[in-house]
Amino acid sequence: MSKKMGLGQGVGLLFCEEKEKYFDCEITKIFPNKHQPRSQFNQQDLEELAQSIREKGVIQPLIVTSNSTENRYELVAGERRLRASKLAGLSHVPVVVIDVDDENSLLELALIENIQRTDLNPIEEAEAYRKLIEKFGYTQDETAKRVGKQRSTITNLLRLLKLPESIQKDISTGLLTEGHGRVLIRLIEEPIKLQEARDEIVRNGLSVRQAEKITKKIAINKPVVKNPLTPATNEISQSLGNALVTQLTNHLNSKVTLHQNGSRGKIEIEYYSTDDLERVFSILLGDK
């Protein structure tokens, strides 16, 4: 990509470059982008897109970067189209080849292009924003400008990543909406009530407005404390495990994972640099 072009400007300007950079490429020479922010692809949607491609072809070219040493191309944007094209049985697809200077540029471009052009679920989109901020040191304002979104949109999505991993999965799969997630964040400091509210919303199929009402009610009431261990195995219940993980995650400001094996298990705490490791140990040891 020309250095005059901001990464957030989309691919429209790419067609102004040399004609030989647009061509029909063998589909077997294209390999997926290792920085692809999207992790879930709806099979029915892919089948529908594949049928459209069978009838009309690939109207919008894929964006790739060249790996000249292997005569292959790494995908930057268009993984849904690539997957659907394979389902449709195509041997060639239209591509636009762009120049990427280094691995960081590829990561940045892949994140921004996919945010702009792909229907990521809210958690995937939030993770993409977090990567931009952590990897490139962007502020939320700079991130918003890069991807053409309002800063409030970035802020609201990033807040979803404070939720327990189990609830994030509910949002990723569509069991809960982004709106439900924003409502549940109000109980983030009370993990047991948070899990109670989540279960109530899912069990009764509550709308966001109904979820707001039940969340306020749960926030006021004292939680009913149940025996956290099942009598048969002494294993921590899933709801309590989620609550404890959320509590420790918020305390350490790091991702925490609980692995259970009957009455035994282990806790994993992620760190992202040597400085971050020191920070986590400082919290755990009480600055001793």
C-alpha atoms as a PDB file:
ATOM      1  CA  MET A   1       0.000   0.000   0.000  1.00  0.00           C
ATOM      2  CA  SER A   2       1.312   3.477  -0.761  1.00  0.00           C
ATOM      3  CA  LYS A   3       2.555   5.279   2.328  1.00  0.00           C
ATOM      4  CA  LYS A   4       0.466   8.271   1.371  1.00  0.00           C
ATOM      5  CA  MET A   5      -2.648   6.253   2.038  1.00  0.00           C
ATOM      6  CA  GLY A   6      -3.959   5.962   5.587  1.00  0.00           C
ATOM      7  CA  LEU A   7      -4.752   2.430   6.597  1.00  0.00           C
ATOM      8  CA  GLY A   8      -8.235   3.481   7.628  1.00  0.00           C
ATOM      9  CA  GLN A   9      -9.260   4.752   4.190  1.00  0.00           C
ATOM     10  CA  GLY A  10     -10.572   1.402   2.983  1.00  0.00           C
ATOM     11  CA  VAL A  11      -9.758  -0.405  -0.220  1.00  0.00           C
ATOM     12  CA  GLY A  12     -11.466   1.921  -2.683  1.00  0.00           C
ATOM     13  CA  LEU A  13      -8.236   3.753  -3.427  1.00  0.00           C
ATOM     14  CA  LEU A  14      -6.432   0.511  -4.150  1.00  0.00           C
ATOM     15  CA  PHE A  15      -7.902   0.360  -7.635  1.00  0.00           C
ATOM     16  CA  CYS A  16      -5.954   3.525  -8.511  1.00  0.00           C
ATOM     17  CA  GLU A  17      -2.705   1.556  -8.369  1.00  0.00           C
ATOM     18  CA  GLU A  18      -1.070  -0.419 -11.147  1.00  0.00           C
ATOM     19  CA  LYS A  19      -3.370  -2.627 -13.205  1.00  0.00           C
ATOM     20  CA  GLU A  20      -1.219  -5.732 -12.802  1.00  0.00           C
ATOM     21  CA  LYS A  21      -2.037  -5.735  -9.098  1.00  0.00           C
ATOM     22  CA  TYR A  22      -5.616  -6.728  -9.913  1.00  0.00           C
ATOM     23  CA  PHE A  23      -6.006 -10.206 -11.410  1.00  0.00           C
ATOM     24  CA  ASP A  24      -7.710 -13.590 -11.077  1.00  0.00           C
ATOM     25  CA  CYS A  25      -5.663 -15.678  -8.662  1.00  0.00           C
ATOM     26  CA  GLU A  26      -5.638 -19.443  -8.179  1.00  0.00           C
ATOM     27  CA  ILE A  27      -7.602 -20.062  -5.010  1.00  0.00           C
ATOM     28  CA  THR A  28      -5.068 -22.644  -3.805  1.00  0.00           C
ATOM     29  CA  LYS A  29      -2.363 -19.958  -3.703  1.00  0.00           C
ATOM     30  CA  ILE A  30      -4.240 -17.864  -1.121  1.00  0.00           C
ATOM     31  CA  PHE A  31      -3.718 -18.685   2.547  1.00  0.00           C
ATOM     32  CA  PRO A  32      -5.667 -17.234   5.490  1.00  0.00           C
ATOM     33  CA  ASN A  33      -4.571 -14.187   7.416  1.00  0.00           C
ATOM     34  CA  LYS A  34      -3.023 -15.192  10.750  1.00  0.00           C
ATOM     35  CA  HIS A  35      -4.277 -11.874  12.183  1.00  0.00           C
ATOM     36  CA  GLN A  36      -7.892 -12.476  11.156  1.00  0.00           C
ATOM     37  CA  PRO A  37     -10.006 -10.996  13.995  1.00  0.00           C
ATOM     38  CA  ARG A  38     -13.054 -13.035  13.108  1.00  0.00           C
ATOM     39  CA  SER A  39     -13.235 -16.438  14.793  1.00  0.00           C
ATOM     40  CA  GLN A  40     -16.807 -17.550  14.002  1.00  0.00           C
ATOM     41  CA  PHE A  41     -18.357 -18.072  10.586  1.00  0.00           C
ATOM     42  CA  ASN A  42     -22.026 -18.989  10.259  1.00  0.00           C
ATOM     43  CA  GLN A  43     -22.230 -22.010   7.969  1.00  0.00           C
ATOM     44  CA  GLN A  44     -25.684 -21.137   6.643  1.00  0.00           C
ATOM     45  CA  ASP A  45     -24.537 -17.621   5.745  1.00  0.00           C
ATOM     46  CA  LEU A  46     -21.517 -19.083   3.944  1.00  0.00           C
ATOM     47  CA  GLU A  47     -23.757 -21.454   1.985  1.00  0.00           C
ATOM     48  CA  GLU A  48     -26.013 -18.559   0.949  1.00  0.00           C
ATOM     49  CA  LEU A  49     -23.000 -16.501  -0.113  1.00  0.00           C
ATOM     50  CA  ALA A  50     -21.618 -19.505  -2.014  1.00  0.00           C
ATOM     51  CA  GLN A  51     -24.905 -19.817  -3.909  1.00  0.00           C
ATOM     52  CA  SER A  52     -24.773 -16.112  -4.794  1.00  0.00           C
ATOM     53  CA  ILE A  53     -21.187 -16.556  -6.005  1.00  0.00           C
ATOM     54  CA  ARG A  54     -22.220 -19.520  -8.170  1.00  0.00           C
ATOM     55  CA  GLU A  55     -24.841 -17.324  -9.831  1.00  0.00           C
ATOM     56  CA  LYS A  56     -23.036 -13.976 -10.065  1.00  0.00           C
ATOM     57  CA  GLY A  57     -19.373 -14.636  -9.315  1.00  0.00           C
ATOM     58  CA  VAL A  58     -17.203 -12.793  -6.811  1.00  0.00           C
ATOM     59  CA  ILE A  59     -18.192  -9.175  -7.371  1.00  0.00           C
ATOM     60  CA  GLN A  60     -15.840  -7.648  -4.798  1.00  0.00           C
ATOM     61  CA  PRO A  61     -12.170  -8.715  -5.071  1.00  0.00           C
ATOM     62  CA  LEU A  62     -10.230 -10.094  -2.126  1.00  0.00           C
ATOM     63  CA  ILE A  63      -7.375  -8.032  -0.712  1.00  0.00           C
ATOM     64  CA  VAL A  64      -4.076  -9.913  -0.458  1.00  0.00           C
ATOM     65  CA  THR A  65      -0.384  -9.304   0.061  1.00  0.00           C
ATOM     66  CA  SER A  66       2.273 -11.169  -1.880  1.00  0.00           C
ATOM     67  CA  ASN A  67       4.694 -13.717  -0.476  1.00  0.00           C
ATOM     68  CA  SER A  68       7.125 -13.709  -3.380  1.00  0.00           C
ATOM     69  CA  THR A  69       9.408 -16.388  -1.928  1.00  0.00           C
ATOM     70  CA  GLU A  70       6.620 -18.988  -2.008  1.00  0.00           C
ATOM     71  CA  ASN A  71       4.582 -17.554  -4.909  1.00  0.00           C
ATOM     72  CA  ARG A  72       1.594 -17.417  -2.578  1.00  0.00           C
ATOM     73  CA  TYR A  73      -0.661 -14.659  -1.260  1.00  0.00           C
ATOM     74  CA  GLU A  74      -1.752 -13.912   2.285  1.00  0.00           C
ATOM     75  CA  LEU A  75      -5.309 -12.720   2.741  1.00  0.00           C
ATOM     76  CA  VAL A  76      -5.808  -9.250   4.233  1.00  0.00           C
ATOM     77  CA  ALA A  77      -9.570  -8.879   3.825  1.00  0.00           C
ATOM     78  CA  GLY A  78     -12.292 -11.123   2.410  1.00  0.00           C
ATOM     79  CA  GLU A  79     -12.138 -14.417   4.302  1.00  0.00           C
ATOM     80  CA  ARG A  80     -15.919 -14.955   4.044  1.00  0.00           C
ATOM     81  CA  ARG A  81     -15.688 -14.537   0.279  1.00  0.00           C
ATOM     82  CA  LEU A  82     -12.703 -16.903   0.142  1.00  0.00           C
ATOM     83  CA  ARG A  83     -14.475 -19.597   2.163  1.00  0.00           C
ATOM     84  CA  ALA A  84     -17.687 -19.213   0.166  1.00  0.00           C
ATOM     85  CA  SER A  85     -15.750 -19.324  -3.118  1.00  0.00           C
ATOM     86  CA  LYS A  86     -14.232 -22.652  -2.068  1.00  0.00           C
ATOM     87  CA  LEU A  87     -17.719 -23.944  -1.228  1.00  0.00           C
ATOM     88  CA  ALA A  88     -18.899 -22.764  -4.652  1.00  0.00           C
ATOM     89  CA  GLY A  89     -16.121 -24.772  -6.289  1.00  0.00           C
ATOM     90  CA  LEU A  90     -14.247 -21.834  -7.851  1.00  0.00           C
ATOM     91  CA  SER A  91     -10.660 -22.377  -8.969  1.00  0.00           C
ATOM     92  CA  HIS A  92      -9.828 -18.644  -9.318  1.00  0.00           C
ATOM     93  CA  VAL A  93     -10.981 -15.498  -7.505  1.00  0.00           C
ATOM     94  CA  PRO A  94     -10.358 -11.807  -8.238  1.00  0.00           C
ATOM     95  CA  VAL A  95      -7.740 -10.224  -5.965  1.00  0.00           C
ATOM     96  CA  VAL A  96      -6.065  -6.888  -5.418  1.00  0.00           C
ATOM     97  CA  VAL A  97      -2.442  -7.160  -4.275  1.00  0.00           C
ATOM     98  CA  ILE A  98      -1.184  -4.486  -1.892  1.00  0.00           C
ATOM     99  CA  ASP A  99       2.340  -3.860  -0.606  1.00  0.00           C
ATOM    100  CA  VAL A 100       2.838  -4.304   3.124  1.00  0.00           C
ATOM    101  CA  ASP A 101       6.208  -3.330   4.569  1.00  0.00           C
ATOM    102  CA  ASP A 102       6.329  -5.469   7.702  1.00  0.00           C
ATOM    103  CA  GLU A 103       4.403  -7.738  10.066  1.00  0.00           C
ATOM    104  CA  ASN A 104       3.096  -4.835  12.164  1.00  0.00           C
ATOM    105  CA  SER A 105       1.693  -3.108   9.079  1.00  0.00           C
ATOM    106  CA  LEU A 106      -0.015  -6.347   8.042  1.00  0.00           C
ATOM    107  CA  LEU A 107      -1.566  -6.744  11.489  1.00  0.00           C
ATOM    108  CA  GLU A 108      -2.781  -3.140  11.542  1.00  0.00           C
ATOM    109  CA  LEU A 109      -4.179  -3.297   8.023  1.00  0.00           C
ATOM    110  CA  ALA A 110      -5.882  -6.645   8.620  1.00  0.00           C
ATOM    111  CA  LEU A 111      -7.549  -5.425  11.796  1.00  0.00           C
ATOM    112  CA  ILE A 112      -8.752  -2.148  10.315  1.00  0.00           C
ATOM    113  CA  GLU A 113      -9.957  -3.596   7.003  1.00  0.00           C
ATOM    114  CA  ASN A 114     -11.859  -6.375   8.754  1.00  0.00           C
ATOM    115  CA  ILE A 115     -13.468  -3.987  11.232  1.00  0.00           C
ATOM    116  CA  GLN A 116     -14.578  -1.747   8.381  1.00  0.00           C
ATOM    117  CA  ARG A 117     -15.724  -4.436   5.978  1.00  0.00           C
ATOM    118  CA  THR A 118     -16.762  -7.559   7.925  1.00  0.00           C
ATOM    119  CA  ASP A 119     -19.757  -8.206  10.139  1.00  0.00           C
ATOM    120  CA  LEU A 120     -17.743  -9.187  13.204  1.00  0.00           C
ATOM    121  CA  ASN A 121     -19.681 -10.097  16.324  1.00  0.00           C
ATOM    122  CA  PRO A 122     -19.351  -7.555  19.180  1.00  0.00           C
ATOM    123  CA  ILE A 123     -16.659  -9.522  21.041  1.00  0.00           C
ATOM    124  CA  GLU A 124     -14.539 -10.049  17.920  1.00  0.00           C
ATOM    125  CA  GLU A 125     -14.819  -6.336  17.137  1.00  0.00           C
ATOM    126  CA  ALA A 126     -13.895  -5.402  20.709  1.00  0.00           C
ATOM    127  CA  GLU A 127     -10.868  -7.724  20.587  1.00  0.00           C
ATOM    128  CA  ALA A 128      -9.770  -6.078  17.327  1.00  0.00           C
ATOM    129  CA  TYR A 129      -9.948  -2.641  18.950  1.00  0.00           C
ATOM    130  CA  ARG A 130      -8.004  -3.884  21.963  1.00  0.00           C
ATOM    131  CA  LYS A 131      -5.264  -5.250  19.708  1.00  0.00           C
ATOM    132  CA  LEU A 132      -4.985  -1.908  17.916  1.00  0.00           C
ATOM    133  CA  ILE A 133      -4.707  -0.068  21.220  1.00  0.00           C
ATOM    134  CA  GLU A 134      -2.269  -2.488  22.888  1.00  0.00           C
ATOM    135  CA  LYS A 135      -0.067  -3.214  19.857  1.00  0.00           C
ATOM    136  CA  PHE A 136       0.162   0.273  18.364  1.00  0.00           C
ATOM    137  CA  GLY A 137      -0.433   2.449  21.420  1.00  0.00           C
ATOM    138  CA  TYR A 138      -3.493   4.165  19.957  1.00  0.00           C
ATOM    139  CA  THR A 139      -5.839   6.122  22.176  1.00  0.00           C
ATOM    140  CA  GLN A 140      -9.538   5.381  21.838  1.00  0.00           C
ATOM    141  CA  ASP A 141      -9.897   8.642  19.875  1.00  0.00           C
ATOM    142  CA  GLU A 142      -7.159   7.591  17.425  1.00  0.00           C
ATOM    143  CA  THR A 143      -8.681   4.136  17.077  1.00  0.00           C
ATOM    144  CA  ALA A 144     -12.085   5.657  16.318  1.00  0.00           C
ATOM    145  CA  LYS A 145     -10.587   7.844  13.578  1.00  0.00           C
ATOM    146  CA  ARG A 146      -8.699   4.927  12.053  1.00  0.00           C
ATOM    147  CA  VAL A 147     -11.781   2.750  11.697  1.00  0.00           C
ATOM    148  CA  GLY A 148     -14.332   5.490  11.050  1.00  0.00           C
ATOM    149  CA  LYS A 149     -16.403   4.890  14.195  1.00  0.00           C
ATOM    150  CA  GLN A 150     -17.588   7.058  17.072  1.00  0.00           C
ATOM    151  CA  ARG A 151     -15.389   6.969  20.160  1.00  0.00           C
ATOM    152  CA  SER A 152     -18.423   5.989  22.271  1.00  0.00           C
ATOM    153  CA  THR A 153     -18.813   2.894  20.074  1.00  0.00           C
ATOM    154  CA  ILE A 154     -15.207   1.884  20.788  1.00  0.00           C
ATOM    155  CA  THR A 155     -15.611   2.536  24.520  1.00  0.00           C
ATOM    156  CA  ASN A 156     -18.837   0.543  24.837  1.00  0.00           C
ATOM    157  CA  LEU A 157     -17.432  -2.441  22.964  1.00  0.00           C
ATOM    158  CA  LEU A 158     -14.180  -2.490  24.943  1.00  0.00           C
ATOM    159  CA  ARG A 159     -16.170  -2.569  28.177  1.00  0.00           C
ATOM    160  CA  LEU A 160     -17.683  -5.901  27.083  1.00  0.00           C
ATOM    161  CA  LEU A 161     -14.234  -7.473  27.495  1.00  0.00           C
ATOM    162  CA  LYS A 162     -14.510  -6.928  31.257  1.00  0.00           C
ATOM    163  CA  LEU A 163     -17.290  -9.503  31.365  1.00  0.00           C
ATOM    164  CA  PRO A 164     -16.495 -13.131  32.274  1.00  0.00           C
ATOM    165  CA  GLU A 165     -15.366 -15.280  29.374  1.00  0.00           C
ATOM    166  CA  SER A 166     -18.543 -17.366  29.617  1.00  0.00           C
ATOM    167  CA  ILE A 167     -20.747 -14.294  29.100  1.00  0.00           C
ATOM    168  CA  GLN A 168     -18.501 -13.050  26.290  1.00  0.00           C
ATOM    169  CA  LYS A 169     -19.117 -16.405  24.611  1.00  0.00           C
ATOM    170  CA  ASP A 170     -22.880 -15.887  25.044  1.00  0.00           C
ATOM    171  CA  ILE A 171     -22.537 -12.577  23.175  1.00  0.00           C
ATOM    172  CA  SER A 172     -20.286 -14.079  20.468  1.00  0.00           C
ATOM    173  CA  THR A 173     -22.783 -16.839  19.733  1.00  0.00           C
ATOM    174  CA  GLY A 174     -25.802 -14.513  19.818  1.00  0.00           C
ATOM    175  CA  LEU A 175     -27.333 -15.991  22.976  1.00  0.00           C
ATOM    176  CA  LEU A 176     -27.013 -12.490  24.446  1.00  0.00           C
ATOM    177  CA  THR A 177     -26.869  -9.200  22.550  1.00  0.00           C
ATOM    178  CA  GLU A 178     -24.387  -6.373  22.929  1.00  0.00           C
ATOM    179  CA  GLY A 179     -27.171  -4.471  24.722  1.00  0.00           C
ATOM    180  CA  HIS A 180     -27.557  -7.303  27.242  1.00  0.00           C
ATOM    181  CA  GLY A 181     -23.805  -7.191  27.792  1.00  0.00           C
ATOM    182  CA  ARG A 182     -23.842  -3.463  28.536  1.00  0.00           C
ATOM    183  CA  VAL A 183     -26.620  -4.028  31.063  1.00  0.00           C
ATOM    184  CA  LEU A 184     -24.738  -6.867  32.789  1.00  0.00           C
ATOM    185  CA  ILE A 185     -21.573  -4.771  33.130  1.00  0.00           C
ATOM    186  CA  ARG A 186     -23.376  -2.846  35.876  1.00  0.00           C
ATOM    187  CA  LEU A 187     -22.979  -5.935  38.074  1.00  0.00           C
ATOM    188  CA  ILE A 188     -19.318  -6.524  37.212  1.00  0.00           C
ATOM    189  CA  GLU A 189     -18.218  -5.923  40.810  1.00  0.00           C
ATOM    190  CA  GLU A 190     -20.718  -8.493  42.110  1.00  0.00           C
ATOM    191  CA  PRO A 191     -19.920 -11.727  40.234  1.00  0.00           C
ATOM    192  CA  ILE A 192     -22.613 -13.874  41.874  1.00  0.00           C
ATOM    193  CA  LYS A 193     -25.348 -11.358  41.086  1.00  0.00           C
ATOM    194  CA  LEU A 194     -23.909 -10.983  37.579  1.00  0.00           C
ATOM    195  CA  GLN A 195     -24.263 -14.712  36.963  1.00  0.00           C
ATOM    196  CA  GLU A 196     -27.763 -14.683  38.473  1.00  0.00           C
ATOM    197  CA  ALA A 197     -28.837 -11.872  36.133  1.00  0.00           C
ATOM    198  CA  ARG A 198     -27.331 -13.617  33.114  1.00  0.00           C
ATOM    199  CA  ASP A 199     -29.154 -16.860  33.922  1.00  0.00           C
ATOM    200  CA  GLU A 200     -32.460 -15.003  34.385  1.00  0.00           C
ATOM    201  CA  ILE A 201     -32.086 -13.216  31.029  1.00  0.00           C
ATOM    202  CA  VAL A 202     -31.278 -16.423  29.133  1.00  0.00           C
ATOM    203  CA  ARG A 203     -33.861 -18.575  30.908  1.00  0.00           C
ATOM    204  CA  ASN A 204     -36.724 -16.180  30.204  1.00  0.00           C
ATOM    205  CA  GLY A 205     -35.518 -14.719  26.894  1.00  0.00           C
ATOM    206  CA  LEU A 206     -35.637 -11.173  28.288  1.00  0.00           C
ATOM    207  CA  SER A 207     -35.306  -8.110  26.070  1.00  0.00           C
ATOM    208  CA  VAL A 208     -32.669  -5.501  26.900  1.00  0.00           C
ATOM    209  CA  ARG A 209     -35.296  -3.308  28.571  1.00  0.00           C
ATOM    210  CA  GLN A 210     -36.566  -6.234  30.636  1.00  0.00           C
ATOM    211  CA  ALA A 211     -32.946  -7.115  31.463  1.00  0.00           C
ATOM    212  CA  GLU A 212     -32.410  -3.592  32.809  1.00  0.00           C
ATOM    213  CA  LYS A 213     -35.333  -4.024  35.197  1.00  0.00           C
ATOM    214  CA  ILE A 214     -34.282  -7.460  36.445  1.00  0.00           C
ATOM    215  CA  THR A 215     -30.664  -6.298  36.831  1.00  0.00           C
ATOM    216  CA  LYS A 216     -31.731  -3.377  39.020  1.00  0.00           C
ATOM    217  CA  LYS A 217     -33.861  -5.723  41.110  1.00  0.00           C
ATOM    218  CA  ILE A 218     -31.023  -8.225  41.534  1.00  0.00           C
ATOM    219  CA  ALA A 219     -28.572  -5.444  42.391  1.00  0.00           C
ATOM    220  CA  ILE A 220     -30.766  -4.352  45.314  1.00  0.00           C
ATOM    221  CA  ASN A 221     -31.494  -7.827  46.698  1.00  0.00           C
ATOM    222  CA  LYS A 222     -29.012  -9.752  48.797  1.00  0.00           C
ATOM    223  CA  PRO A 223     -27.731 -12.827  46.959  1.00  0.00           C
ATOM    224  CA  VAL A 224     -28.910 -16.207  48.126  1.00  0.00           C
ATOM    225  CA  VAL A 225     -25.755 -18.024  49.210  1.00  0.00           C
ATOM    226  CA  LYS A 226     -25.874 -21.673  48.220  1.00  0.00           C
ATOM    227  CA  ASN A 227     -23.419 -24.421  49.057  1.00  0.00           C
ATOM    228  CA  PRO A 228     -20.641 -23.777  46.507  1.00  0.00           C
ATOM    229  CA  LEU A 229     -19.541 -27.408  46.491  1.00  0.00           C
ATOM    230  CA  THR A 230     -21.589 -30.241  45.097  1.00  0.00           C
ATOM    231  CA  PRO A 231     -21.862 -33.004  47.721  1.00  0.00           C
ATOM    232  CA  ALA A 232     -20.902 -35.792  45.345  1.00  0.00           C
ATOM    233  CA  THR A 233     -17.584 -34.436  44.038  1.00  0.00           C
ATOM    234  CA  ASN A 234     -16.780 -31.308  46.085  1.00  0.00           C
ATOM    235  CA  GLU A 235     -16.383 -29.595  42.717  1.00  0.00           C
ATOM    236  CA  ILE A 236     -16.970 -25.852  42.515  1.00  0.00           C
ATOM    237  CA  SER A 237     -20.186 -25.064  40.636  1.00  0.00           C
ATOM    238  CA  GLN A 238     -19.841 -23.395  37.248  1.00  0.00           C
ATOM    239  CA  SER A 239     -21.664 -20.244  38.343  1.00  0.00           C
ATOM    240  CA  LEU A 240     -19.402 -19.815  41.387  1.00  0.00           C
ATOM    241  CA  GLY A 241     -16.324 -20.602  39.299  1.00  0.00           C
ATOM    242  CA  ASN A 242     -17.320 -17.908  36.802  1.00  0.00           C
ATOM    243  CA  ALA A 243     -17.937 -15.480  39.639  1.00  0.00           C
ATOM    244  CA  LEU A 244     -14.550 -16.160  41.252  1.00  0.00           C
ATOM    245  CA  VAL A 245     -12.744 -15.826  37.905  1.00  0.00           C
ATOM    246  CA  THR A 246     -14.466 -12.487  37.274  1.00  0.00           C
ATOM    247  CA  GLN A 247     -13.515 -11.233  40.726  1.00  0.00           C
ATOM    248  CA  LEU A 248      -9.853 -12.183  40.304  1.00  0.00           C
ATOM    249  CA  THR A 249      -9.761 -10.837  36.718  1.00  0.00           C
ATOM    250  CA  ASN A 250     -11.028  -7.453  37.896  1.00  0.00           C
ATOM    251  CA  HIS A 251      -8.584  -7.423  40.803  1.00  0.00           C
ATOM    252  CA  LEU A 252      -5.521  -8.260  38.694  1.00  0.00           C
ATOM    253  CA  ASN A 253      -6.685  -6.577  35.461  1.00  0.00           C
ATOM    254  CA  SER A 254      -5.421  -9.680  33.632  1.00  0.00           C
ATOM    255  CA  LYS A 255      -7.172 -12.625  32.019  1.00  0.00           C
ATOM    256  CA  VAL A 256      -7.700 -15.472  34.496  1.00  0.00           C
ATOM    257  CA  THR A 257      -8.710 -19.037  33.637  1.00  0.00           C
ATOM    258  CA  LEU A 258      -9.883 -21.701  36.102  1.00  0.00           C
ATOM    259  CA  HIS A 259      -9.288 -25.365  35.233  1.00  0.00           C
ATOM    260  CA  GLN A 260     -11.143 -27.938  37.361  1.00  0.00           C
ATOM    261  CA  ASN A 261     -10.548 -31.639  37.786  1.00  0.00           C
ATOM    262  CA  GLY A 262     -12.935 -32.861  40.459  1.00  0.00           C
ATOM    263  CA  SER A 263     -12.026 -31.215  43.746  1.00  0.00           C
ATOM    264  CA  ARG A 264      -8.626 -30.163  42.365  1.00  0.00           C
ATOM    265  CA  GLY A 265      -7.582 -27.711  39.684  1.00  0.00           C
ATOM    266  CA  LYS A 266      -5.348 -24.833  38.730  1.00  0.00           C
ATOM    267  CA  ILE A 267      -5.621 -21.104  38.065  1.00  0.00           C
ATOM    268  CA  GLU A 268      -3.911 -19.541  35.043  1.00  0.00           C
ATOM    269  CA  ILE A 269      -3.095 -15.811  34.982  1.00  0.00           C
ATOM    270  CA  GLU A 270      -2.003 -14.209  31.713  1.00  0.00           C
ATOM    271  CA  TYR A 271       0.606 -11.442  31.470  1.00  0.00           C
ATOM    272  CA  TYR A 272       1.609  -9.470  28.389  1.00  0.00           C
ATOM    273  CA  SER A 273       5.181  -8.303  29.074  1.00  0.00           C
ATOM    274  CA  THR A 274       7.884  -8.581  31.737  1.00  0.00           C
ATOM    275  CA  ASP A 275       6.664  -5.308  33.233  1.00  0.00           C
ATOM    276  CA  ASP A 276       3.135  -6.684  33.341  1.00  0.00           C
ATOM    277  CA  LEU A 277       4.406  -9.846  35.060  1.00  0.00           C
ATOM    278  CA  GLU A 278       6.045  -7.713  37.742  1.00  0.00           C
ATOM    279  CA  ARG A 279       2.810  -5.770  38.137  1.00  0.00           C
ATOM    280  CA  VAL A 280       0.778  -8.968  38.651  1.00  0.00           C
ATOM    281  CA  PHE A 281       3.272 -10.315  41.205  1.00  0.00           C
ATOM    282  CA  SER A 282       3.234  -6.971  42.999  1.00  0.00           C
ATOM    283  CA  ILE A 283      -0.543  -7.255  43.398  1.00  0.00           C
ATOM    284  CA  LEU A 284      -0.413 -10.899  44.453  1.00  0.00           C
ATOM    285  CA  LEU A 285       2.318 -10.311  46.999  1.00  0.00           C
ATOM    286  CA  GLY A 286       0.854  -7.088  48.312  1.00  0.00           C
ATOM    287  CA  ASP A 287       3.824  -4.988  47.126  1.00  0.00           C
ATOM    288  CA  LYS A 288       6.170  -6.925  49.412  1.00  0.00           C
END
